[in-house]
């Protein structure tokens, strides 16, 4: 297990060693080992914004430079969707390992805000397939001009859906969706309907995928 700690300082090594020697060994060890064993394979990463992008949310917009809370929302999903008590305890213990660079503890920060789980993301192109795994990352500073940091364990893609905006209409897998379904899609993406449309600069044409890690979602 030594190779697992290659990027950790002494304090973190001691903390993880303590956790692994306790009741969470079955869950925590498997989570850490699974993620780092993926380094031997080719695994894509998906980068998430920690703040609303300035290109879509310009100065004067209500969400200009506001935090997206995507990191917290994805962690909320990982914890809430876990039915195995041992693994859930392990995830909670592992929380510090990923979120330490942000100088926060997820559940402490989430107390004062309404954090709903984020179950998918939408990206241009058709690069992803169900059954693949991805590394969730954020930029450490300016997007595309700074290093990235993985903020959670590797996540399995359960489903993918084609997503298009054409002539002010929105399609999922070729089917036109209405306002009611749009609100569901936006919520699952971690956004309000207004912010969702602004994010994609609606009605600007768009073609891509919904990359979903929640097996219970159907569109």
Protein backbone atom coordinates (compact mmCIF):
# COMPACT_ATOMS: atom_id res chain seq x y z
CA UNK A 1 0.00 0.00 0.00
CA UNK A 2 3.04 2.35 0.18
CA UNK A 3 2.64 3.52 -3.42
CA UNK A 4 -0.80 4.85 -2.54
CA UNK A 5 0.70 7.51 -0.29
CA UNK A 6 3.19 8.90 -2.83
CA UNK A 7 1.61 12.38 -2.91
CA UNK A 8 0.68 12.66 0.76
CA UNK A 9 2.52 14.38 3.58
CA UNK A 10 3.41 12.60 6.83
CA UNK A 11 0.27 13.78 8.63
CA UNK A 12 -1.99 12.35 5.94
CA UNK A 13 -0.09 9.07 5.85
CA UNK A 14 -0.54 8.70 9.60
CA UNK A 15 -4.25 9.57 9.34
CA UNK A 16 -4.95 7.07 6.55
CA UNK A 17 -2.90 4.40 8.36
CA UNK A 18 -5.07 5.00 11.42
CA UNK A 19 -8.24 4.70 9.35
CA UNK A 20 -7.06 1.53 7.62
CA UNK A 21 -6.31 -0.07 10.97
CA UNK A 22 -9.86 0.58 12.17
CA UNK A 23 -13.27 -0.74 11.28
CA UNK A 24 -13.32 0.99 7.88
CA UNK A 25 -10.47 -1.03 6.38
CA UNK A 26 -12.75 -3.01 4.06
CA UNK A 27 -14.30 0.12 2.59
CA UNK A 28 -11.56 2.72 2.68
CA UNK A 29 -8.76 0.46 1.49
CA UNK A 30 -10.85 -0.71 -1.46
CA UNK A 31 -11.74 2.86 -2.45
CA UNK A 32 -8.12 4.01 -2.37
CA UNK A 33 -6.75 0.88 -4.04
CA UNK A 34 -9.41 0.94 -6.76
CA UNK A 35 -8.66 4.54 -7.68
CA UNK A 36 -4.90 4.20 -7.77
CA UNK A 37 -4.98 0.89 -9.61
CA UNK A 38 -6.73 2.75 -12.44
CA UNK A 39 -3.44 4.56 -13.09
CA UNK A 40 -2.36 1.42 -14.92
CA UNK A 41 -5.26 1.88 -17.32
CA UNK A 42 -6.25 4.70 -19.64
CA UNK A 43 -8.89 6.66 -17.75
CA UNK A 44 -10.36 9.93 -18.94
CA UNK A 45 -10.81 12.82 -16.58
CA UNK A 46 -13.68 15.30 -16.42
CA UNK A 47 -12.98 18.78 -15.16
CA UNK A 48 -15.62 20.71 -13.22
CA UNK A 49 -15.91 24.44 -12.64
CA UNK A 50 -15.74 25.69 -9.06
CA UNK A 51 -17.23 29.04 -10.15
CA UNK A 52 -19.70 30.06 -12.82
CA UNK A 53 -17.67 30.73 -16.00
CA UNK A 54 -17.24 34.39 -16.94
CA UNK A 55 -17.88 33.75 -20.63
CA UNK A 56 -21.49 32.77 -19.94
CA UNK A 57 -22.04 34.61 -16.67
CA UNK A 58 -20.58 38.05 -17.33
CA UNK A 59 -20.23 40.94 -14.92
CA UNK A 60 -23.69 42.07 -13.91
CA UNK A 61 -25.14 38.55 -14.00
CA UNK A 62 -26.55 37.39 -10.67
CA UNK A 63 -24.15 34.43 -10.67
CA UNK A 64 -21.03 36.32 -11.79
CA UNK A 65 -18.02 34.65 -10.12
CA UNK A 66 -20.32 32.80 -7.71
CA UNK A 67 -19.33 29.27 -6.60
CA UNK A 68 -21.04 26.36 -8.34
CA UNK A 69 -20.63 23.98 -5.36
CA UNK A 70 -20.15 21.17 -7.89
CA UNK A 71 -17.50 19.55 -5.69
CA UNK A 72 -19.90 19.45 -2.75
CA UNK A 73 -22.83 18.36 -4.92
CA UNK A 74 -20.92 15.43 -6.39
CA UNK A 75 -19.74 14.36 -2.96
CA UNK A 76 -23.33 14.67 -1.75
CA UNK A 77 -24.38 12.20 -4.43
CA UNK A 78 -21.54 9.78 -3.62
CA UNK A 79 -22.49 9.72 0.06
CA UNK A 80 -26.28 9.75 -0.30
CA UNK A 81 -26.31 7.03 -2.96
CA UNK A 82 -24.16 4.64 -0.94
CA UNK A 83 -26.26 1.94 0.76
CA UNK A 84 -23.33 0.01 2.23
CA UNK A 85 -22.75 1.34 5.80
CA UNK A 86 -19.08 0.31 5.79
CA UNK A 87 -18.35 1.96 2.47
CA UNK A 88 -20.33 5.08 3.43
CA UNK A 89 -18.28 5.40 6.63
CA UNK A 90 -15.14 4.95 4.54
CA UNK A 91 -16.20 7.69 2.13
CA UNK A 92 -16.84 10.07 5.00
CA UNK A 93 -13.44 9.24 6.48
CA UNK A 94 -11.83 9.66 3.07
CA UNK A 95 -13.42 13.08 2.65
CA UNK A 96 -10.46 14.91 4.21
CA UNK A 97 -8.03 13.19 1.85
CA UNK A 98 -9.57 14.79 -1.23
CA UNK A 99 -10.86 18.08 0.14
CA UNK A 100 -7.83 19.16 2.18
CA UNK A 101 -6.42 21.28 -0.72
CA UNK A 102 -9.68 23.26 -0.63
CA UNK A 103 -9.20 23.90 3.09
CA UNK A 104 -12.71 22.69 3.83
CA UNK A 105 -14.65 19.79 5.21
CA UNK A 106 -17.62 19.02 3.00
CA UNK A 107 -20.23 18.50 5.66
CA UNK A 108 -19.18 21.55 7.68
CA UNK A 109 -19.39 23.81 4.64
CA UNK A 110 -22.64 22.24 3.44
CA UNK A 111 -24.47 23.08 6.66
CA UNK A 112 -25.23 26.65 5.65
CA UNK A 113 -26.14 26.02 2.00
CA UNK A 114 -28.78 23.99 0.23
CA UNK A 115 -26.71 21.31 -1.48
CA UNK A 116 -28.57 19.00 -3.83
CA UNK A 117 -26.72 16.02 -5.37
CA UNK A 118 -25.27 16.38 -8.86
CA UNK A 119 -25.91 13.20 -10.84
CA UNK A 120 -24.50 14.02 -14.26
CA UNK A 121 -22.62 16.46 -16.42
CA UNK A 122 -23.06 17.50 -20.05
CA UNK A 123 -20.10 17.75 -22.42
CA UNK A 124 -19.53 18.39 -26.11
CA UNK A 125 -18.87 15.44 -28.38
CA UNK A 126 -19.45 11.74 -27.85
CA UNK A 127 -16.31 10.56 -26.08
CA UNK A 128 -17.81 8.63 -23.20
CA UNK A 129 -19.54 5.26 -22.85
CA UNK A 130 -21.49 3.56 -20.09
CA UNK A 131 -19.23 1.30 -18.05
CA UNK A 132 -16.21 3.59 -18.32
CA UNK A 133 -14.71 5.33 -15.30
CA UNK A 134 -13.53 8.91 -15.04
CA UNK A 135 -11.45 10.96 -12.63
CA UNK A 136 -13.38 14.04 -11.37
CA UNK A 137 -11.05 17.04 -11.31
CA UNK A 138 -11.02 20.80 -10.87
CA UNK A 139 -8.55 23.46 -11.97
CA UNK A 140 -6.30 24.69 -9.15
CA UNK A 141 -6.34 28.21 -10.59
CA UNK A 142 -7.32 29.64 -13.98
CA UNK A 143 -8.97 27.09 -16.32
CA UNK A 144 -6.59 25.64 -18.92
CA UNK A 145 -3.71 27.61 -17.37
CA UNK A 146 -3.20 25.70 -14.15
CA UNK A 147 -2.78 22.19 -12.84
CA UNK A 148 -5.77 20.02 -12.04
CA UNK A 149 -6.65 18.25 -8.81
CA UNK A 150 -8.77 15.12 -8.38
CA UNK A 151 -11.35 15.90 -5.69
CA UNK A 152 -13.13 12.52 -5.37
CA UNK A 153 -12.60 8.82 -6.10
CA UNK A 154 -12.94 7.55 -9.66
CA UNK A 155 -16.62 7.45 -10.70
CA UNK A 156 -18.28 4.89 -12.95
CA UNK A 157 -20.43 6.15 -15.81
CA UNK A 158 -23.75 4.32 -15.60
CA UNK A 159 -25.53 5.87 -18.60
CA UNK A 160 -24.99 8.30 -21.46
CA UNK A 161 -27.63 10.23 -23.40
CA UNK A 162 -27.29 12.32 -26.55
CA UNK A 163 -28.05 15.97 -25.82
CA UNK A 164 -28.72 18.62 -28.48
CA UNK A 165 -29.96 22.19 -28.77
CA UNK A 166 -31.32 22.88 -32.24
CA UNK A 167 -33.37 25.92 -33.28
CA UNK A 168 -34.39 26.68 -29.66
CA UNK A 169 -35.49 23.07 -29.11
CA UNK A 170 -33.74 20.70 -26.71
CA UNK A 171 -33.46 16.99 -27.52
CA UNK A 172 -32.37 14.01 -25.45
CA UNK A 173 -31.64 10.87 -27.49
CA UNK A 174 -33.51 12.51 -30.37
CA UNK A 175 -36.67 13.18 -28.34
CA UNK A 176 -37.89 16.74 -27.82
CA UNK A 177 -38.19 17.63 -24.14
CA UNK A 178 -40.56 20.14 -22.57
CA UNK A 179 -40.25 22.57 -19.65
CA UNK A 180 -41.09 19.97 -16.99
CA UNK A 181 -38.40 17.55 -18.11
CA UNK A 182 -35.94 20.40 -18.62
CA UNK A 183 -36.29 21.33 -14.95
CA UNK A 184 -35.44 17.72 -14.00
CA UNK A 185 -32.39 17.69 -16.27
CA UNK A 186 -31.17 21.01 -14.85
CA UNK A 187 -31.62 19.83 -11.26
CA UNK A 188 -29.75 16.58 -11.93
CA UNK A 189 -26.98 18.67 -13.46
CA UNK A 190 -26.70 20.74 -10.29
CA UNK A 191 -28.24 23.92 -11.70
CA UNK A 192 -31.46 25.92 -11.79
CA UNK A 193 -33.27 26.05 -15.14
CA UNK A 194 -32.19 29.67 -15.71
CA UNK A 195 -28.55 28.94 -14.92
CA UNK A 196 -28.67 25.77 -17.01
CA UNK A 197 -29.86 27.68 -20.09
CA UNK A 198 -27.34 30.46 -19.51
CA UNK A 199 -24.55 27.91 -19.06
CA UNK A 200 -25.20 26.51 -22.54
CA UNK A 201 -25.84 30.00 -23.93
CA UNK A 202 -29.30 28.91 -25.09
CA UNK A 203 -30.45 28.99 -27.87
CA UNK A 204 -26.92 28.61 -29.24
CA UNK A 205 -26.67 25.22 -31.03
CA UNK A 206 -25.04 22.46 -29.00
CA UNK A 207 -24.34 18.78 -29.54
CA UNK A 208 -22.95 16.50 -26.87
CA UNK A 209 -23.65 13.93 -24.17
CA UNK A 210 -25.22 13.69 -20.76
CA UNK A 211 -22.66 11.70 -18.79
CA UNK A 212 -24.60 10.16 -15.92
CA UNK A 213 -23.31 8.33 -12.83
CA UNK A 214 -26.77 7.69 -11.38
CA UNK A 215 -28.23 4.40 -12.64
CA UNK A 216 -31.76 5.40 -11.56
CA UNK A 217 -32.02 8.32 -13.98
CA UNK A 218 -33.96 7.77 -17.19
CA UNK A 219 -34.74 10.32 -19.89
